[in-house]
Protein backbone atom coordinates (compact mmCIF):
# COMPACT_ATOMS: atom_id res chain seq x y z
CA MET A 1 96.82 4.91 12.25
CA SER A 2 96.99 0.81 12.62
CA ASP A 3 99.41 -0.98 10.36
CA ALA A 4 95.87 -2.45 8.91
CA LEU A 5 94.65 0.39 8.02
CA THR A 6 97.76 1.57 5.93
CA GLU A 7 97.68 -1.47 4.13
CA LEU A 8 94.86 -1.14 3.05
CA GLU A 9 95.11 1.97 1.93
CA ALA A 10 97.96 0.97 -0.15
CA ASN A 11 95.98 -1.22 -1.77
CA VAL A 12 93.72 0.67 -2.58
CA CYS A 13 96.13 3.15 -4.68
CA ALA A 14 97.06 -0.27 -6.13
CA ASP A 15 93.63 -0.91 -7.17
CA LEU A 16 92.84 2.17 -8.89
CA ALA A 17 95.98 2.42 -10.33
CA ARG A 18 95.13 -1.16 -12.16
CA ILE A 19 91.85 -0.11 -13.37
CA ALA A 20 92.81 3.27 -14.35
CA HIS A 21 92.14 2.54 -18.00
CA PRO A 22 91.40 4.76 -20.01
CA GLY A 23 93.56 7.77 -17.95
CA ALA A 24 93.42 10.71 -20.56
CA ALA A 25 92.16 13.97 -19.72
CA TRP A 26 89.59 14.74 -21.71
CA LEU A 27 87.21 18.08 -20.94
CA PRO A 28 88.34 21.07 -22.38
CA PRO A 29 88.22 23.80 -19.40
CA LYS A 30 85.36 26.50 -18.92
CA GLN A 31 85.77 29.69 -17.90
CA GLY A 32 83.61 31.55 -15.70
CA PRO A 33 82.32 35.26 -16.29
CA ASP A 34 84.41 36.02 -13.16
CA GLY A 35 87.86 35.13 -15.22
CA LYS A 36 88.34 31.91 -13.00
CA PRO A 37 88.20 28.49 -14.05
CA ALA A 38 84.59 26.87 -14.07
CA LEU A 39 83.52 23.73 -12.22
CA ASP A 40 83.03 21.05 -14.49
CA VAL A 41 80.29 19.12 -11.88
CA LEU A 42 79.69 20.65 -8.77
CA VAL A 43 78.08 18.16 -6.12
CA VAL A 44 75.76 19.52 -3.43
CA GLY A 45 76.05 17.03 -0.45
CA ALA A 46 79.21 15.06 0.56
CA GLY A 47 77.55 12.36 2.85
CA GLN A 48 77.16 8.71 1.20
CA SER A 49 75.83 9.56 -2.03
CA GLY A 50 77.99 12.74 -2.50
CA ILE A 51 80.90 10.95 -1.83
CA ALA A 52 79.81 7.78 -4.17
CA ILE A 53 79.12 10.48 -6.98
CA GLY A 54 82.62 12.06 -6.59
CA PHE A 55 84.37 9.00 -6.66
CA GLY A 56 82.27 7.90 -9.49
CA LEU A 57 82.78 11.30 -11.63
CA MET A 58 86.90 10.87 -10.65
CA ARG A 59 87.00 7.50 -12.15
CA SER A 60 85.28 8.71 -15.77
CA ARG A 61 88.27 11.37 -15.40
CA VAL A 62 85.97 13.88 -14.36
CA THR A 63 88.51 15.93 -12.01
CA ASN A 64 87.57 19.29 -11.88
CA ILE A 65 84.50 18.66 -9.58
CA LEU A 66 83.74 19.93 -6.09
CA LEU A 67 81.60 18.62 -3.46
CA LEU A 68 79.98 21.11 -1.17
CA ASP A 69 78.15 20.24 2.37
CA LYS A 70 76.83 22.82 4.72
CA ALA A 71 77.58 20.53 7.65
CA GLU A 72 80.95 20.59 9.44
CA GLU A 73 83.60 17.86 8.59
CA GLY A 74 82.20 14.51 9.73
CA LYS A 75 78.79 15.76 10.44
CA GLU A 76 77.77 15.03 6.51
CA GLY A 77 74.50 13.57 6.54
CA PRO A 78 72.40 12.08 9.48
CA TRP A 79 74.39 9.35 11.07
CA LEU A 80 75.94 12.19 13.75
CA THR A 81 72.98 14.20 14.04
CA TYR A 82 69.29 13.46 13.68
CA ALA A 83 69.79 9.30 12.87
CA ARG A 84 68.75 8.05 16.15
CA MET A 85 69.18 4.43 15.75
CA PRO A 86 72.11 2.50 16.97
CA THR A 87 73.00 0.48 13.70
CA LEU A 88 72.44 0.56 10.22
CA ARG A 89 69.27 -1.11 9.29
CA SER A 90 70.62 -2.69 5.65
CA PRO A 91 72.67 -5.87 6.20
CA LYS A 92 76.51 -5.46 6.94
CA ASP A 93 77.30 -7.21 3.43
CA TYR A 94 75.53 -4.57 1.11
CA THR A 95 77.60 -2.73 -0.75
CA GLY A 96 78.03 0.78 -1.85
CA PRO A 97 79.72 4.17 -2.05
CA ASP A 98 82.68 1.71 -2.84
CA LEU A 99 81.05 1.03 -6.22
CA ASP A 100 82.26 -2.68 -6.37
CA ILE A 101 85.85 -1.95 -5.45
CA PRO A 102 86.61 -4.72 -2.91
CA SER A 103 89.63 -2.49 -0.91
CA LEU A 104 86.98 0.12 -0.57
CA THR A 105 84.46 -1.76 0.93
CA TYR A 106 82.98 -1.16 4.80
CA GLN A 107 84.19 -5.11 5.54
CA SER A 108 87.55 -4.33 4.33
CA TRP A 109 87.67 -0.88 6.43
CA HIS A 110 86.19 -2.66 9.57
CA GLU A 111 88.36 -5.82 8.94
CA ALA A 112 91.49 -3.46 8.97
CA ARG A 113 90.26 -0.96 11.75
CA PHE A 114 88.36 -4.11 13.86
CA GLY A 115 89.89 -6.95 12.56
CA LYS A 116 88.30 -10.11 11.06
CA ASP A 117 86.96 -11.75 14.08
CA SER A 118 85.26 -8.62 14.78
CA TRP A 119 83.61 -8.24 11.11
CA HIS A 120 82.31 -12.07 11.78
CA LYS A 121 80.60 -11.64 14.63
CA LEU A 122 78.83 -8.20 13.51
CA ASP A 123 75.29 -8.20 12.68
CA LEU A 124 74.50 -4.79 11.90
CA ILE A 125 76.53 -1.97 10.99
CA PRO A 126 77.07 0.62 13.85
CA ARG A 127 76.41 4.28 12.67
CA GLY A 128 78.91 5.70 14.66
CA HIS A 129 81.40 3.26 12.93
CA TRP A 130 79.33 3.94 9.28
CA ALA A 131 80.48 7.95 9.67
CA GLU A 132 84.17 7.23 10.11
CA TYR A 133 83.83 4.93 7.28
CA LEU A 134 82.59 7.63 5.13
CA LEU A 135 85.12 9.89 6.46
CA TRP A 136 87.75 7.91 5.71
CA LEU A 137 86.74 6.68 2.23
CA ARG A 138 86.41 10.74 1.12
CA ARG A 139 90.14 11.08 2.33
CA THR A 140 91.18 8.06 0.76
CA ILE A 141 90.05 8.49 -3.02
CA GLY A 142 91.02 12.58 -2.58
CA LEU A 143 87.47 13.55 -3.38
CA PRO A 144 88.00 17.77 -2.88
CA VAL A 145 85.09 18.80 -0.04
CA GLY A 146 83.77 22.30 1.06
CA ASN A 147 82.71 22.07 4.22
CA GLY A 148 80.49 24.71 6.01
CA SER A 149 79.22 25.34 2.58
CA GLU A 150 75.22 26.13 2.09
CA LEU A 151 73.85 26.64 -1.55
CA VAL A 152 71.51 29.56 -1.42
CA GLU A 153 70.69 29.44 -5.33
CA ILE A 154 71.27 28.37 -8.72
CA ALA A 155 70.75 30.70 -11.91
CA PRO A 156 71.61 30.60 -15.46
CA ALA A 157 75.06 32.07 -16.22
CA ALA A 158 76.60 32.81 -19.67
CA ASP A 159 78.15 30.67 -22.36
CA GLY A 160 75.74 27.31 -20.76
CA LEU A 161 77.14 27.48 -17.46
CA LEU A 162 75.37 27.37 -14.00
CA ALA A 163 76.12 30.06 -11.23
CA ALA A 164 75.69 28.76 -7.50
CA ARG A 165 75.44 31.31 -4.60
CA VAL A 166 77.11 29.55 -1.70
CA LYS A 167 77.19 31.13 1.33
CA ARG A 168 80.09 30.33 3.88
CA ALA A 169 80.92 31.69 7.24
CA ASN A 170 82.84 34.34 5.40
CA GLY A 171 80.31 35.46 3.23
CA VAL A 172 78.57 34.39 -0.02
CA GLU A 173 80.36 33.41 -3.09
CA THR A 174 79.00 32.72 -6.52
CA LEU A 175 81.02 29.59 -8.40
CA TYR A 176 80.37 28.71 -12.02
CA ALA A 177 79.63 24.93 -13.06
CA ARG A 178 78.73 23.33 -16.17
CA LYS A 179 76.64 20.92 -14.28
CA ILE A 180 75.15 20.64 -10.53
CA VAL A 181 73.83 17.44 -8.96
CA LEU A 182 71.90 17.66 -5.60
CA ALA A 183 73.17 14.80 -3.69
CA THR A 184 70.97 16.32 -0.60
CA GLY A 185 69.37 13.24 0.44
CA GLN A 186 65.99 13.66 2.32
CA GLU A 187 65.54 17.00 2.35
CA GLY A 188 66.53 17.40 -1.72
CA MET A 189 63.22 19.07 -2.53
CA GLY A 190 61.08 20.16 0.73
CA GLY A 191 60.79 19.56 3.58
CA TRP A 192 60.02 17.72 6.94
CA MET A 193 56.48 17.12 7.52
CA ILE A 194 54.47 18.32 10.54
CA PRO A 195 50.59 17.13 9.69
CA GLU A 196 48.19 19.84 8.99
CA PRO A 197 45.94 19.47 12.26
CA LEU A 198 49.17 20.36 13.94
CA ARG A 199 50.87 23.02 12.15
CA HIS A 200 49.43 25.93 14.89
CA LEU A 201 51.24 24.26 17.85
CA PRO A 202 54.16 26.54 19.27
CA ALA A 203 57.78 25.34 18.06
CA SER A 204 58.33 24.56 21.88
CA SER A 205 55.64 21.28 21.88
CA VAL A 206 56.07 19.96 18.46
CA ALA A 207 59.28 18.81 16.02
CA THR A 208 60.15 16.45 13.45
CA VAL A 209 62.29 13.53 13.80
CA ALA A 210 65.13 15.78 11.98
CA ASP A 211 64.95 18.50 14.01
CA ASP A 212 67.88 18.86 17.20
CA ILE A 213 65.51 17.17 19.93
CA ASP A 214 66.81 17.85 23.48
CA PHE A 215 65.63 14.24 24.51
CA GLN A 216 66.92 14.81 28.11
CA SER A 217 64.72 17.48 28.47
CA LEU A 218 61.58 15.19 27.98
CA ARG A 219 62.36 13.23 31.08
CA GLY A 220 59.71 12.58 33.01
CA ARG A 221 57.72 14.03 30.42
CA ARG A 222 54.39 12.38 27.94
CA VAL A 223 55.55 12.14 24.61
CA ALA A 224 54.04 11.45 21.48
CA VAL A 225 55.21 9.99 17.91
CA ILE A 226 53.02 10.46 15.12
CA GLY A 227 53.98 7.95 12.62
CA ALA A 228 55.25 4.39 12.94
CA GLY A 229 58.29 4.00 10.38
CA ALA A 230 61.35 2.95 11.71
CA SER A 231 62.22 6.76 12.07
CA ALA A 232 59.42 6.99 14.36
CA PHE A 233 60.29 4.02 16.20
CA ASP A 234 63.98 5.11 16.68
CA ASN A 235 62.98 8.53 18.59
CA ALA A 236 60.11 6.75 20.54
CA ALA A 237 62.57 4.84 21.85
CA THR A 238 65.30 7.60 22.17
CA ALA A 239 62.26 9.71 24.20
CA LEU A 240 62.02 6.10 26.40
CA GLU A 241 65.73 5.43 26.99
CA ALA A 242 66.02 9.21 28.35
CA GLY A 243 63.32 8.74 30.75
CA ALA A 244 59.96 9.71 29.39
CA ALA A 245 57.35 9.21 31.57
CA GLU A 246 55.38 7.37 29.04
CA VAL A 247 55.48 7.59 24.98
CA HIS A 248 52.45 7.00 22.81
CA LEU A 249 53.42 5.72 19.27
CA LEU A 250 50.35 6.58 16.60
CA CYS A 251 50.07 4.75 13.78
CA ARG A 252 47.33 5.56 11.35
CA ARG A 253 47.01 1.90 9.57
CA ALA A 254 44.70 -0.79 11.16
CA GLN A 255 47.71 -2.49 11.88
CA ILE A 256 51.75 -1.49 12.17
CA GLN A 257 53.73 -2.21 8.97
CA LEU A 258 55.91 -5.41 9.44
CA ILE A 259 56.84 -5.96 5.58
CA GLN A 260 59.66 -4.14 4.34
CA PRO A 261 59.68 -3.95 0.70
CA TYR A 262 63.00 -2.86 0.21
CA ARG A 263 64.34 -6.05 0.94
CA TRP A 264 62.17 -7.15 -1.78
CA LEU A 265 63.52 -4.76 -4.56
CA THR A 266 66.77 -5.35 -4.09
CA PHE A 267 68.14 -7.45 -7.08
CA ARG A 268 70.21 -5.95 -10.10
CA GLY A 269 67.25 -6.17 -12.51
CA PHE A 270 64.83 -3.56 -9.99
CA LEU A 271 67.61 -1.49 -9.11
CA ARG A 272 69.44 -1.20 -12.80
CA HIS A 273 66.27 -0.88 -15.10
CA LEU A 274 63.39 0.00 -13.30
CA SER A 275 63.98 3.59 -14.63
CA ASP A 276 64.01 1.85 -18.32
CA LEU A 277 60.33 1.20 -17.90
CA ASP A 278 57.39 3.19 -19.04
CA ASP A 279 55.64 5.50 -16.76
CA THR A 280 52.95 3.35 -16.69
CA TRP A 281 55.16 0.05 -14.81
CA ARG A 282 57.46 3.00 -13.08
CA TRP A 283 54.64 4.49 -11.10
CA ARG A 284 52.63 1.35 -10.63
CA PHE A 285 55.53 -0.13 -8.96
CA MET A 286 56.80 2.78 -6.74
CA ARG A 287 53.49 3.65 -5.83
CA LYS A 288 53.22 0.19 -4.09
CA VAL A 289 56.37 0.49 -2.68
CA LEU A 290 55.81 3.56 -1.18
CA GLU A 291 52.34 3.17 0.06
CA MET A 292 53.71 0.21 2.34
CA ARG A 293 56.21 2.62 3.33
CA GLU A 294 59.32 1.33 4.69
CA GLY A 295 58.89 -1.21 7.01
CA PHE A 296 61.17 -1.51 10.36
CA PRO A 297 63.93 -4.40 11.57
CA GLN A 298 62.92 -5.81 15.09
CA PRO A 299 65.50 -4.35 16.80
CA THR A 300 64.17 -1.52 16.14
CA PHE A 301 60.57 -2.54 17.61
CA ASP A 302 62.34 -4.39 20.49
CA ARG A 303 63.96 -1.21 21.78
CA CYS A 304 60.50 0.55 22.50
CA ALA A 305 58.80 -2.76 23.55
CA ARG A 306 60.83 -3.40 26.38
CA HIS A 307 59.54 -0.77 28.03
CA ALA A 308 56.35 -0.72 29.73
CA ASN A 309 55.63 3.02 29.52
CA PHE A 310 55.54 2.29 25.94
CA ILE A 311 52.06 2.47 24.35
CA LEU A 312 51.17 1.87 20.57
CA HIS A 313 47.71 2.95 19.08
CA GLU A 314 46.99 1.56 15.57
CA GLY A 315 44.43 2.77 13.54
CA ALA A 316 45.02 6.08 14.83
CA PRO A 317 45.46 8.73 12.62
CA VAL A 318 45.80 12.54 13.93
CA GLU A 319 42.58 14.05 13.47
CA GLY A 320 43.03 17.33 15.35
CA GLY A 321 45.33 19.18 17.90
CA ARG A 322 45.53 21.95 20.49
CA GLN A 323 47.16 23.36 23.10
CA THR A 324 45.97 22.86 26.77
CA ASP A 325 46.90 24.15 30.18
CA ARG A 326 48.08 20.18 30.58
CA GLY A 327 49.57 20.35 27.20
CA VAL A 328 48.89 19.08 23.89
CA GLU A 329 45.85 16.67 23.23
CA LEU A 330 45.41 14.96 20.06
CA ARG A 331 42.59 13.68 18.79
CA THR A 332 42.18 10.35 16.98
CA PRO A 333 39.46 8.40 15.92
CA ARG A 334 40.38 6.05 19.07
CA GLY A 335 40.06 8.84 21.29
CA ALA A 336 42.26 11.62 22.73
CA VAL A 337 45.80 11.23 23.60
CA SER A 338 47.27 13.92 26.25
CA ALA A 339 51.37 14.60 25.60
CA ASP A 340 53.52 17.46 26.77
CA PHE A 341 55.98 17.23 23.50
CA VAL A 342 55.05 15.44 20.06
CA ILE A 343 57.76 14.22 17.25
CA CYS A 344 56.65 13.73 13.99
CA GLY A 345 57.89 10.85 11.96
CA THR A 346 55.27 11.73 9.03
CA GLY A 347 58.10 12.01 5.87
CA ILE A 348 58.78 14.53 3.79
CA ASP A 349 56.80 16.77 1.48
CA MET A 350 57.40 17.99 -1.99
CA ASN A 351 57.59 21.47 -1.87
CA PHE A 352 59.93 22.73 -4.35
CA ALA A 353 59.32 26.25 -3.81
CA GLU A 354 60.60 25.72 -0.13
CA ARG A 355 64.27 25.24 -0.95
CA GLY A 356 66.04 28.47 -1.72
CA GLU A 357 68.05 27.09 -4.13
CA LEU A 358 64.95 26.30 -6.33
CA ARG A 359 62.84 28.94 -5.58
CA SER A 360 63.23 30.97 -9.00
CA PHE A 361 62.43 28.49 -11.29
CA ALA A 362 60.48 25.52 -8.72
CA GLY A 363 57.13 26.36 -10.59
CA ASN A 364 58.61 25.37 -13.65
CA ILE A 365 60.31 21.76 -12.43
CA ALA A 366 57.87 19.03 -13.97
CA THR A 367 55.99 16.60 -11.53
CA TRP A 368 54.80 13.65 -12.14
CA ALA A 369 51.20 14.88 -12.04
CA ASP A 370 52.32 16.77 -15.02
CA ARG A 371 53.41 14.16 -17.28
CA TYR A 372 51.23 10.82 -16.45
CA GLN A 373 47.84 10.34 -15.30
CA PRO A 374 47.49 7.04 -13.37
CA PRO A 375 43.86 5.09 -13.54
CA GLU A 376 41.60 6.42 -10.85
CA ASN A 377 42.22 3.30 -8.52
CA GLU A 378 46.28 4.20 -8.50
CA ARG A 379 45.96 7.96 -8.08
CA ASN A 380 48.19 9.28 -5.31
CA THR A 381 48.27 13.13 -5.19
CA ARG A 382 51.46 12.99 -2.35
CA LEU A 383 52.96 10.43 -5.28
CA GLY A 384 52.18 13.03 -8.01
CA ARG A 385 53.79 15.77 -6.54
CA PHE A 386 57.64 14.09 -7.18
CA PRO A 387 59.97 15.90 -9.60
CA TYR A 388 59.58 13.93 -12.94
CA LEU A 389 63.04 13.44 -14.18
CA ALA A 390 65.00 12.96 -17.25
CA ASP A 391 67.10 9.48 -18.15
CA ASP A 392 70.23 11.25 -16.36
CA TYR A 393 68.33 12.41 -12.99
CA ALA A 394 68.07 15.94 -14.65
CA PHE A 395 64.89 18.13 -14.22
CA THR A 396 62.33 18.74 -16.45
CA GLU A 397 60.80 21.73 -17.36
CA ARG A 398 56.98 21.59 -16.78
CA LEU A 399 56.23 24.38 -19.65
CA PRO A 400 59.33 23.93 -22.20
CA GLY A 401 61.61 26.53 -23.62
CA GLU A 402 61.12 28.17 -19.99
CA THR A 403 63.95 27.40 -18.22
CA PRO A 404 66.17 24.81 -20.58
CA TRP A 405 69.24 25.09 -18.40
CA ILE A 406 67.55 23.30 -15.81
CA SER A 407 68.47 20.29 -17.69
CA ASP A 408 71.95 20.66 -16.02
CA ILE A 409 70.47 20.39 -12.93
CA HIS A 410 70.74 16.63 -11.79
CA LEU A 411 68.69 15.37 -8.54
CA PHE A 412 70.00 12.26 -6.93
CA ALA A 413 67.91 11.99 -3.57
CA ILE A 414 64.73 11.01 -1.78
CA ALA A 415 62.65 12.94 -4.35
CA SER A 416 64.56 11.00 -7.51
CA THR A 417 62.41 7.89 -6.21
CA MET A 418 59.81 7.68 -8.30
CA SER A 419 61.88 7.85 -11.75
CA PHE A 420 64.63 5.69 -10.61
CA GLY A 421 63.58 3.87 -7.27
CA PRO A 422 65.44 3.70 -4.09
CA SER A 423 68.58 5.03 -5.93
CA GLY A 424 69.16 8.45 -3.95
CA SER A 425 68.78 7.63 -0.38
CA SER A 426 69.48 3.99 -0.33
CA ILE A 427 72.85 2.30 0.24
CA ASN A 428 71.52 -0.64 -1.62
CA ALA A 429 71.12 0.98 -5.02
CA MET A 430 74.28 2.82 -5.22
CA THR A 431 76.61 0.38 -6.97
CA THR A 432 73.50 0.13 -10.21
CA ALA A 433 72.62 4.17 -9.69
CA ILE A 434 75.66 5.85 -9.31
CA PRO A 435 77.01 4.22 -12.75
CA LYS A 436 73.99 5.64 -14.29
CA LEU A 437 73.88 8.92 -13.14
CA VAL A 438 77.75 9.57 -13.94
CA HIS A 439 76.99 8.19 -17.15
CA GLY A 440 74.34 10.61 -18.08
CA LEU A 441 76.24 13.31 -16.75
CA THR A 442 79.62 12.67 -18.66
CA ARG A 443 77.12 11.83 -21.62
CA GLY A 444 75.77 15.50 -21.56
CA LEU A 445 79.20 16.78 -20.92
CA PHE A 446 80.65 15.16 -24.06
CA ARG A 447 77.68 16.16 -26.33
CA SER A 448 78.02 19.50 -25.48
CA ASP A 449 81.79 19.44 -25.82
CA ILE A 450 81.34 17.78 -29.74
CA ALA A 451 82.86 20.60 -31.81
CA HIS A 452 85.76 20.56 -29.46
CA HIS A 453 86.30 16.85 -29.64
CA TRP A 454 85.66 17.15 -33.37
CA ALA A 455 88.43 19.88 -33.97
CA SER A 456 90.73 17.86 -32.00
CA LEU A 457 90.14 14.93 -34.29
CA SER A 458 90.68 16.39 -37.27
CA ALA A 459 94.29 18.14 -36.01
CA TYR A 460 95.37 15.19 -34.73
CA ASP A 461 98.74 13.80 -36.27
CA VAL A 462 100.37 12.55 -33.73
CA PRO A 463 102.25 8.83 -35.75
CA GLN A 464 101.94 5.97 -33.88
CA ALA A 465 104.91 4.37 -35.62
CA VAL A 466 108.22 5.38 -37.12
CA VAL A 467 108.77 3.46 -40.60
CA THR A 468 112.55 3.72 -41.93
CA ARG A 469 112.82 3.76 -45.77
CA THR A 470 115.51 2.85 -47.87
CA ALA A 471 116.45 4.18 -51.03
CA GLN A 472 116.68 0.68 -52.60
CA LYS A 473 113.97 -0.06 -55.37
CA MET A 474 112.08 -3.55 -55.80
CA GLY A 475 113.88 -5.94 -57.37
CA GLU A 476 117.34 -4.68 -56.97
CA SER A 477 119.92 -6.79 -55.48
CA THR A 478 122.05 -6.28 -52.23
């Protein structure tokens, strides 16, 4: 480790010590049905959101926590797996999992790792460096993480606890926790979509942008990419750079989306207070943002456009597809497109029952369609399937009383977008969203222990000072 990085880590420790007030432990220990200590909070996901949540909890003196991730250490999140862009898309000065601690920002780490001159010359953050920074952050603040651990089921347990069945290489274990946070990024409440007209195609011919695609096998072959968001362009570019004979990108819109609404909404008022608005305004704002979809930066487009064998098809939604002797034929209003392999960049569908950990209570998770009916001209069936969350990011019941325990399951993922804006999957919202989530978690923990705290106050008898009394009476001379 460099001297600069060692010095930075010492500064981090000093900074956190200076702002540690109040430092008192305040959560009484709970015991699980197995006789072992129960966790106060189990965080599922140890990527950038999970790290930030764990850090926020520890700063609030909630230290009896555990982060789980099904990936091996260093491979959490998309950065070294299905993220196929060279750099992050966010500006380099956006803060996030540092939670406004200057010595924990990416800039501080980058300058210690590569020098201040490198930071000044940097345009966008390389994704590999971001993954390295996140691992450094997690280790520096001392987060407890269990890798290779996949959550497979959540169920209620005795004494108000939740039972989390976790699969590891050596078997399945049940962990007990007072609260569970699903910091599961893109996939939290469903799966990556393959458009309905293509679902009958064999797996050897079609994949989603999140799949483990062998791009080298596409060399000399024809590739079609469905969708025109940033991830779709990233996959098209990766196929082109791997030597694909031609790459067709099919955009359903008449023109590709060039506006990036996430740049507009990155201001404190929106990020902090969208969730305080009534349902009418929340729906209106997020419908506008999500129907626009996320735009792509200039380098993303240029990465494709520099290849003469890149063909952009606008106004070309896929209406049908069939396997032929010569590959896959896609039918669009602008004619047929032939390909040997199809990559779908069409986003995530909300399908709670697809998630094993949610399956037993998926039918009673309230959605936006259950809680709000927009005017006719603002309706959107897809957005209506998003979960309708409480003000602490917790699930709410579709039928009250059927599964009351789901109020202790909190969702911080892309599926929380309709209720809270771009909080659960975007760097730009972390510094406002994480404190809101942590506030909700600690509020719930405090309220459920209120009898304990009242008893503690009632029994509190620690003197603040020692008073020395003399035997003399007032008025006596000395």
